[in-house]
Protein backbone atom coordinates (compact mmCIF):
# COMPACT_ATOMS: atom_id res chain seq x y z
CA UNK A 1 84.20 108.35 130.48
CA UNK A 2 85.72 105.89 128.51
CA UNK A 3 84.87 105.92 124.40
CA UNK A 4 84.04 103.94 122.38
CA UNK A 5 86.71 102.88 119.84
CA UNK A 6 85.97 101.60 116.75
CA UNK A 7 87.57 99.93 113.28
CA UNK A 8 87.09 101.70 109.93
CA UNK A 9 89.52 101.02 108.17
CA UNK A 10 92.29 97.33 107.84
CA UNK A 11 95.01 96.60 105.39
CA UNK A 12 97.54 93.39 104.60
CA UNK A 13 99.96 91.97 103.05
CA UNK A 14 100.33 88.19 103.83
CA UNK A 15 101.68 84.68 102.18
CA UNK A 16 98.64 83.48 101.38
CA UNK A 17 97.52 87.28 99.97
CA UNK A 18 97.53 90.80 99.48
CA UNK A 19 94.20 92.64 99.93
CA UNK A 20 91.89 91.67 103.08
CA UNK A 21 89.77 90.66 100.79
CA UNK A 22 91.97 87.83 99.13
CA UNK A 23 93.37 87.26 102.60
CA UNK A 24 90.16 86.75 104.16
CA UNK A 25 89.74 84.37 100.98
CA UNK A 26 92.55 82.82 101.09
CA UNK A 27 92.42 82.00 105.23
CA UNK A 28 88.88 80.21 105.44
CA UNK A 29 89.46 78.62 102.23
CA UNK A 30 92.48 76.97 104.30
CA UNK A 31 95.33 77.84 101.29
CA UNK A 32 98.70 77.64 103.17
CA UNK A 33 101.48 79.42 102.16
CA UNK A 34 104.41 77.82 103.49
CA UNK A 35 106.96 76.36 101.07
CA UNK A 36 111.12 76.35 99.91
CA UNK A 37 112.28 80.09 100.20
CA UNK A 38 113.02 81.68 97.31
CA UNK A 39 114.38 85.00 98.23
CA UNK A 40 118.25 83.62 98.52
CA UNK A 41 119.81 80.60 98.42
CA UNK A 42 118.96 78.15 101.08
CA UNK A 43 120.02 74.85 99.75
CA UNK A 44 123.23 74.82 102.86
CA UNK A 45 120.77 75.72 105.42
CA UNK A 46 119.43 74.13 108.52
CA UNK A 47 116.05 74.81 107.98
CA UNK A 48 114.87 75.62 104.16
CA UNK A 49 110.99 76.75 104.07
CA UNK A 50 109.31 79.56 105.13
CA UNK A 51 105.68 81.65 104.59
CA UNK A 52 106.99 84.92 102.01
CA UNK A 53 104.92 87.06 100.29
CA UNK A 54 104.79 86.86 96.40
CA UNK A 55 101.50 87.82 95.27
CA UNK A 56 101.78 91.47 93.93
CA UNK A 57 104.12 93.91 92.32
CA UNK A 58 105.41 96.59 94.75
CA UNK A 59 105.55 98.80 92.09
CA UNK A 60 101.80 99.27 91.77
CA UNK A 61 102.33 100.75 95.44
CA UNK A 62 105.50 102.50 96.09
CA UNK A 63 107.70 104.41 93.25
CA UNK A 64 110.52 102.96 92.46
CA UNK A 65 112.94 104.97 94.40
CA UNK A 66 111.10 104.45 97.31
CA UNK A 67 111.88 100.67 96.55
CA UNK A 68 115.19 100.71 96.78
CA UNK A 69 115.67 102.66 99.62
CA UNK A 70 113.98 100.70 101.97
CA UNK A 71 113.52 97.56 103.98
CA UNK A 72 111.19 94.85 102.93
CA UNK A 73 109.35 94.96 106.74
CA UNK A 74 109.07 99.04 105.19
CA UNK A 75 107.29 98.00 102.24
CA UNK A 76 104.66 95.58 103.86
CA UNK A 77 104.08 98.33 106.13
CA UNK A 78 103.34 101.19 103.37
CA UNK A 79 101.29 99.14 101.52
CA UNK A 80 99.09 97.75 104.10
CA UNK A 81 98.73 101.41 105.81
CA UNK A 82 97.53 102.33 102.87
CA UNK A 83 94.63 99.90 101.99
CA UNK A 84 93.32 100.85 105.54
CA UNK A 85 93.20 104.37 105.24
CA UNK A 86 92.06 103.77 101.97
CA UNK A 87 89.09 101.90 103.47
CA UNK A 88 88.73 104.35 106.18
CA UNK A 89 87.95 106.88 103.61
CA UNK A 90 84.75 105.17 103.01
CA UNK A 91 81.76 106.43 103.08
CA UNK A 92 78.51 104.06 105.40
CA UNK A 93 77.59 101.85 102.96
CA UNK A 94 80.38 102.21 100.12
CA UNK A 95 82.52 99.37 99.20
CA UNK A 96 85.55 98.99 99.99
CA UNK A 97 88.40 98.45 96.70
CA UNK A 98 91.57 97.05 96.20
CA UNK A 99 94.80 98.09 97.83
CA UNK A 100 95.50 101.76 97.78
CA UNK A 101 97.89 102.46 94.31
CA UNK A 102 100.59 105.28 93.63
CA UNK A 103 99.64 108.45 92.10
CA UNK A 104 101.97 109.76 89.38
CA UNK A 105 103.11 111.68 92.87
CA UNK A 106 105.67 109.92 94.68
CA UNK A 107 105.08 112.12 97.71
CA UNK A 108 101.40 111.41 97.91
CA UNK A 109 99.16 108.38 97.77
CA UNK A 110 95.71 109.00 95.50
CA UNK A 111 92.74 109.89 96.74
CA UNK A 112 93.03 109.35 99.71
CA UNK A 113 91.95 111.31 102.71
CA UNK A 114 92.48 111.46 106.55
CA UNK A 115 89.59 109.66 109.02
CA UNK A 116 91.14 113.06 111.56
CA UNK A 117 92.69 116.55 111.39
CA UNK A 118 96.29 115.57 110.22
CA UNK A 119 97.26 116.87 113.76
CA UNK A 120 95.06 114.59 115.90
CA UNK A 121 96.07 111.90 113.12
CA UNK A 122 98.61 109.06 115.25
CA UNK A 123 100.56 106.31 113.92
CA UNK A 124 101.88 103.26 116.08
CA UNK A 125 104.09 101.49 114.64
CA UNK A 126 105.02 97.78 115.91
CA UNK A 127 107.68 95.97 115.10
CA UNK A 128 110.15 92.66 116.60
CA UNK A 129 113.36 92.82 114.25
CA UNK A 130 112.93 95.94 111.95
CA UNK A 131 115.66 96.20 108.86
CA UNK A 132 117.78 92.52 110.62
CA UNK A 133 117.72 91.18 107.32
CA UNK A 134 119.32 94.19 105.55
CA UNK A 135 121.93 94.44 108.74
CA UNK A 136 122.83 91.26 107.86
CA UNK A 137 123.46 91.53 103.66
CA UNK A 138 125.04 94.95 104.29
CA UNK A 139 127.68 93.33 107.04
CA UNK A 140 128.52 90.54 104.75
CA UNK A 141 129.37 92.91 101.70
CA UNK A 142 131.41 95.16 104.21
CA UNK A 143 133.14 91.51 105.82
CA UNK A 144 134.11 90.96 101.47
CA UNK A 145 135.39 94.13 102.01
CA UNK A 146 133.32 96.03 99.47
CA UNK A 147 132.44 98.86 101.48
CA UNK A 148 132.25 100.33 98.51
CA UNK A 149 129.02 98.96 98.06
CA UNK A 150 127.75 99.86 101.66
CA UNK A 151 125.18 101.97 100.73
CA UNK A 152 124.39 105.71 102.16
CA UNK A 153 120.55 104.86 103.17
CA UNK A 154 121.73 101.85 105.07
CA UNK A 155 120.77 103.52 108.50
CA UNK A 156 117.52 104.75 107.30
CA UNK A 157 116.76 101.01 105.81
CA UNK A 158 117.13 99.32 109.03
CA UNK A 159 115.33 101.50 111.35
CA UNK A 160 112.64 101.06 113.08
CA UNK A 161 110.59 103.98 113.03
CA UNK A 162 111.76 104.36 109.14
CA UNK A 163 108.18 102.54 108.33
CA UNK A 164 105.79 104.81 110.04
CA UNK A 165 108.29 107.91 108.57
CA UNK A 166 107.27 107.08 105.10
CA UNK A 167 104.05 106.36 105.56
CA UNK A 168 103.23 109.96 107.15
CA UNK A 169 105.46 111.39 104.47
CA UNK A 170 103.24 110.20 101.89
CA UNK A 171 99.58 110.84 103.60
CA UNK A 172 100.58 113.99 105.45
CA UNK A 173 100.41 112.72 108.88
CA UNK A 174 101.78 115.34 111.70
CA UNK A 175 100.05 113.47 114.90
CA UNK A 176 101.67 111.16 117.18
CA UNK A 177 104.33 109.05 116.12
CA UNK A 178 105.29 105.69 118.15
CA UNK A 179 107.18 102.98 117.14
CA UNK A 180 107.87 99.87 119.20
CA UNK A 181 109.29 96.81 119.49
CA UNK A 182 107.96 93.60 122.23
CA UNK A 183 108.74 90.83 119.80
CA UNK A 184 106.04 88.80 118.58
CA UNK A 185 103.81 90.70 120.57
CA UNK A 186 104.40 94.18 118.38
CA UNK A 187 101.49 93.40 116.73
CA UNK A 188 98.84 93.32 119.48
CA UNK A 189 101.15 96.27 121.73
CA UNK A 190 100.66 98.96 118.65
CA UNK A 191 96.51 98.15 118.69
CA UNK A 192 96.83 98.83 122.62
CA UNK A 193 99.06 101.84 122.18
CA UNK A 194 96.61 103.73 119.48
CA UNK A 195 94.09 102.60 121.92
CA UNK A 196 95.58 104.18 124.71
CA UNK A 197 96.28 107.38 122.91
CA UNK A 198 92.95 107.63 121.52
CA UNK A 199 91.80 107.60 125.51
CA UNK A 200 93.79 109.53 126.39
CA UNK A 201 93.20 112.48 124.13
CA UNK A 202 95.87 112.84 122.10
CA UNK A 203 94.42 111.84 118.60
CA UNK A 204 90.91 111.42 117.08
CA UNK A 205 91.99 108.88 115.05
CA UNK A 206 95.18 106.48 115.18
CA UNK A 207 96.83 104.21 112.22
CA UNK A 208 98.23 101.14 113.78
CA UNK A 209 100.45 99.03 111.80
CA UNK A 210 102.61 96.10 112.16
CA UNK A 211 104.80 94.73 109.59
CA UNK A 212 108.27 92.13 109.46
CA UNK A 213 110.76 90.40 106.89
CA UNK A 214 113.22 89.13 108.88
CA UNK A 215 114.22 85.65 105.95
CA UNK A 216 118.26 86.00 106.38
CA UNK A 217 121.18 82.95 107.47
CA UNK A 218 121.69 84.68 110.63
CA UNK A 219 118.65 84.71 111.79
CA UNK A 220 117.11 80.92 110.58
CA UNK A 221 120.76 79.80 112.05
CA UNK A 222 120.13 81.28 114.76
CA UNK A 223 116.45 79.80 115.88
CA UNK A 224 117.37 76.90 113.76
CA UNK A 225 120.04 76.29 117.08
CA UNK A 226 117.63 77.28 119.38
CA UNK A 227 114.93 74.56 118.34
CA UNK A 228 112.64 77.04 118.10
CA UNK A 229 112.12 76.10 114.24
CA UNK A 230 110.54 73.51 111.89
CA UNK A 231 112.88 71.63 109.99
CA UNK A 232 110.12 69.60 107.38
CA UNK A 233 112.53 70.85 104.54
CA UNK A 234 110.94 68.07 102.66
CA UNK A 235 106.90 68.86 103.20
CA UNK A 236 106.49 72.91 103.63
CA UNK A 237 102.54 72.61 103.77
CA UNK A 238 102.64 70.67 106.63
CA UNK A 239 105.55 72.04 108.57
CA UNK A 240 103.37 74.15 110.54
CA UNK A 241 101.21 72.34 113.66
CA UNK A 242 99.51 74.34 115.80
CA UNK A 243 98.22 72.15 118.81
CA UNK A 244 99.26 68.93 116.95
CA UNK A 245 100.88 66.49 119.02
CA UNK A 246 103.21 65.94 116.35
CA UNK A 247 104.68 69.86 116.18
CA UNK A 248 108.02 70.16 115.67
CA UNK A 249 108.52 74.57 115.83
CA UNK A 250 107.50 77.16 113.81
CA UNK A 251 107.75 78.67 110.76
CA UNK A 252 109.22 82.25 109.66
CA UNK A 253 106.50 84.29 107.87
CA UNK A 254 106.39 87.72 107.29
CA UNK A 255 104.00 90.38 105.78
CA UNK A 256 101.98 93.37 106.64
CA UNK A 257 98.95 94.34 108.48
CA UNK A 258 97.29 97.91 109.92
CA UNK A 259 93.92 98.89 111.26
CA UNK A 260 92.84 102.50 111.36
CA UNK A 261 90.83 103.12 114.73
CA UNK A 262 89.13 105.94 116.04
CA UNK A 263 86.88 107.70 118.46
CA UNK A 264 83.12 106.67 118.39
CA UNK A 265 82.53 110.06 117.68
CA UNK A 266 84.99 110.85 115.07
CA UNK A 267 83.56 108.39 112.67
CA UNK A 268 79.97 109.14 113.61
CA UNK A 269 80.89 113.01 112.93
CA UNK A 270 82.45 111.58 109.12
CA UNK A 271 79.77 108.84 108.37
CA UNK A 272 82.31 106.22 108.30
CA UNK A 273 82.07 102.42 108.00
CA UNK A 274 82.14 100.84 111.50
CA UNK A 275 83.85 97.19 111.18
CA UNK A 276 83.58 96.44 114.68
CA UNK A 277 84.58 97.61 117.82
CA UNK A 278 87.83 97.20 120.09
CA UNK A 279 86.05 96.05 123.00
CA UNK A 280 89.20 95.31 125.32
CA UNK A 281 92.88 95.46 125.44
CA UNK A 282 96.05 93.96 127.25
CA UNK A 283 99.56 93.66 128.03
CA UNK A 284 101.88 92.27 130.54
CA UNK A 285 104.94 89.96 131.49
CA UNK A 286 105.49 86.55 132.26
CA UNK A 287 108.72 88.15 133.94
CA UNK A 288 110.04 84.35 133.80
CA UNK A 289 112.24 83.39 130.90
CA UNK A 290 113.69 85.43 128.02
CA UNK A 291 112.60 82.55 125.48
CA UNK A 292 110.55 79.81 127.50
CA UNK A 293 106.85 80.72 128.55
CA UNK A 294 105.41 79.49 131.81
CA UNK A 295 104.17 75.88 131.75
CA UNK A 296 101.57 76.95 133.97
CA UNK A 297 100.07 80.11 131.67
CA UNK A 298 99.73 81.83 134.40
CA UNK A 299 101.04 85.56 133.64
CA UNK A 300 99.00 84.86 129.82
CA UNK A 301 95.62 84.01 131.73
CA UNK A 302 95.71 87.51 133.73
CA UNK A 303 96.17 89.85 130.26
CA UNK A 304 93.88 87.74 128.65
CA UNK A 305 91.23 88.91 132.20
CA UNK A 306 92.71 92.43 131.75
CA UNK A 307 91.27 92.89 128.49
CA UNK A 308 88.18 90.83 129.34
CA UNK A 309 87.81 93.33 132.60
CA UNK A 310 88.56 96.88 130.46
CA UNK A 311 86.01 95.28 127.64
CA UNK A 312 83.76 94.40 130.03
CA UNK A 313 83.11 90.29 129.29
CA UNK A 314 82.74 87.50 130.95
CA UNK A 315 85.04 84.50 129.30
CA UNK A 316 81.57 82.96 128.40
CA UNK A 317 81.24 86.26 126.68
CA UNK A 318 83.74 85.56 123.85
CA UNK A 319 82.39 83.41 120.54
CA UNK A 320 86.01 83.08 119.18
CA UNK A 321 89.73 82.64 119.89
CA UNK A 322 92.50 83.39 116.95
CA UNK A 323 95.21 81.63 119.64
CA UNK A 324 98.91 82.82 119.13
CA UNK A 325 99.19 79.14 118.38
CA UNK A 326 103.23 78.56 116.63
CA UNK A 327 103.27 74.86 116.30
CA UNK A 328 106.62 74.66 119.60
CA UNK A 329 106.24 71.98 121.67
CA UNK A 330 106.22 74.68 124.52
CA UNK A 331 104.85 77.11 124.11
CA UNK A 332 101.49 75.66 122.64
CA UNK A 333 101.58 73.69 125.58
CA UNK A 334 101.12 77.31 127.51
CA UNK A 335 98.72 78.65 125.56
CA UNK A 336 96.16 75.37 125.66
CA UNK A 337 96.78 75.19 129.74
CA UNK A 338 96.13 79.15 129.77
CA UNK A 339 92.85 78.67 127.69
CA UNK A 340 92.25 75.84 129.48
CA UNK A 341 92.11 77.43 132.27
CA UNK A 342 89.85 80.68 131.48
CA UNK A 343 87.38 79.64 128.36
CA UNK A 344 84.99 76.93 127.90
CA UNK A 345 83.03 76.24 125.07
CA UNK A 346 84.60 79.36 122.55
CA UNK A 347 85.87 78.09 119.26
CA UNK A 348 89.66 78.21 118.92
CA UNK A 349 91.94 78.32 115.61
CA UNK A 350 95.05 79.36 115.16
CA UNK A 351 95.94 80.52 111.26
CA UNK A 352 99.69 80.42 112.16
CA UNK A 353 99.74 77.00 109.96
CA UNK A 354 98.47 79.05 106.80
CA UNK A 355 99.75 82.44 106.97
CA UNK A 356 103.64 81.25 109.47
CA UNK A 357 104.93 83.35 112.30
CA UNK A 358 104.39 87.16 110.80
CA UNK A 359 105.83 88.32 113.91
CA UNK A 360 105.12 91.57 114.51
CA UNK A 361 102.51 91.69 111.61
CA UNK A 362 100.92 88.38 113.22
CA UNK A 363 99.24 90.27 116.15
CA UNK A 364 97.65 92.47 113.63
CA UNK A 365 96.41 90.29 110.34
CA UNK A 366 95.57 87.98 113.04
CA UNK A 367 93.02 91.07 114.98
CA UNK A 368 91.86 91.31 111.43
CA UNK A 369 90.76 87.91 110.88
CA UNK A 370 89.15 88.07 114.09
CA UNK A 371 87.11 91.44 112.80
CA UNK A 372 86.16 89.47 109.99
CA UNK A 373 84.97 86.65 111.15
CA UNK A 374 82.77 88.75 113.23
CA UNK A 375 81.55 90.42 109.72
CA UNK A 376 81.17 87.44 107.96
CA UNK A 377 79.89 84.36 110.90
CA UNK A 378 82.57 82.37 109.62
CA UNK A 379 85.94 81.16 111.63
CA UNK A 380 88.92 79.98 109.98
CA UNK A 381 90.69 76.93 110.72
CA UNK A 382 94.04 75.53 112.03
CA UNK A 383 96.07 73.77 109.77
CA UNK A 384 96.80 70.51 110.24
CA UNK A 385 95.68 70.11 113.68
CA UNK A 386 95.20 65.61 113.60
CA UNK A 387 96.39 64.89 116.55
CA UNK A 388 95.21 66.68 119.89
CA UNK A 389 93.70 65.31 123.50
CA UNK A 390 92.79 68.76 124.75
CA UNK A 391 89.14 69.33 125.92
CA UNK A 392 89.19 72.77 124.38
CA UNK A 393 86.79 73.38 120.88
CA UNK A 394 89.68 73.54 118.57
CA UNK A 395 88.96 74.28 115.13
CA UNK A 396 90.17 72.37 112.89
CA UNK A 397 90.28 71.02 108.66
CA UNK A 398 88.10 73.34 107.67
CA UNK A 399 86.46 76.51 108.60
CA UNK A 400 83.39 76.61 110.56
CA UNK A 401 80.16 78.71 110.88
CA UNK A 402 78.84 80.70 113.28
CA UNK A 403 77.67 83.14 114.67
CA UNK A 404 80.58 85.22 116.40
CA UNK A 405 80.00 88.27 118.62
CA UNK A 406 83.30 88.89 119.99
CA UNK A 407 86.44 87.43 119.07
CA UNK A 408 89.67 87.46 121.53
CA UNK A 409 93.66 87.42 119.83
CA UNK A 410 96.51 86.86 121.74
CA UNK A 411 100.05 87.27 120.38
CA UNK A 412 103.13 86.31 123.29
CA UNK A 413 106.97 87.42 122.55
CA UNK A 414 110.03 86.51 123.81
CA UNK A 415 111.10 88.68 126.43
CA UNK A 416 107.57 86.83 128.45
CA UNK A 417 105.48 89.31 126.15
CA UNK A 418 101.76 89.40 126.38
CA UNK A 419 99.34 90.76 124.65
CA UNK A 420 95.69 90.29 124.42
CA UNK A 421 93.02 92.58 122.22
CA UNK A 422 89.27 91.44 122.00
CA UNK A 423 86.73 92.87 119.29
CA UNK A 424 82.89 92.73 119.17
CA UNK A 425 80.36 93.10 116.55
CA UNK A 426 79.60 97.39 116.29
């Protein structure tokens, strides 16, 4: 018999707020985190806008030494994970508080108990490009022949698995530790992998984390030359236009997201608060093109159908869909085609107009948006959606109050990666 898998903790670090509560409140209020790049001088770049994280003091959550030795993607993962674990530690009926903060002990977070025995607690980390920004900056240092300035921690800073390692060290997690990279589907696939570990009796609880920070001239030049980025440098707030007829490309975002998944049995035994059920999940590959999506959307349809089958649901049962919706011409068109062939009457929105495209982090922060929609009876809008002739029920302009019992989120990535997750009211 399949085990029921539930969500008992959530954590978020995003361009529109850090902490699930701030992120969610700003999301449904229609806030936009896209602006001119501040992390470095982007004056001479073709693309000078992004959705950066500004809203929290990292020293409240990490020791100074760790900050200096880690890439931003690890930092975002670390903070999101701490919040999710703190929330998972709340007993049924208790109110979740702010993000967990570090104690004076640099190796342990304050007051966070694991939802399972350390050996039965796992981590699955998802990231598309790990420490690419650190790699680019370090190569620039070396090119200028300043080899002494290449730090001894360069390699562990850029490795994708180091985020999971830092989280494991801080919280004493000694079970399965897996890091995967499936481009922009990495966060969604981290949740799927966590669910599979639980179903296979390899863990009683798993922390699924997604994080990304790829902002650097090297990546911007490459994506700009591939004609995938919006160049609306003079109007950042309206630059990301998912599904709009005048969309011109996606906007790079950064951040982190985390979910604590448990078997229902484990959660009930310890009296945990259950926020939603993970009813279905799926992954597949289009086997079509490295960058371009198949315009007929057949593979993403198969992925969504597989998730629905696992959940025992039909398309008519899905109340809300958080679409991938990046704002690229080909990607949005293919996704609308796929959604139109499968769903009829489901409310649909993309939240990337608010957060930018957070790559590996987006699959989890967008899953959190689905869980919150179920909990609070409101779905976030698609920002900047003004001109679209689709017959689908696209939520535009403002958030919509509605009953949401079941929600789906999709994440599609380079290489033909497709991920679909379905959450259901518990």
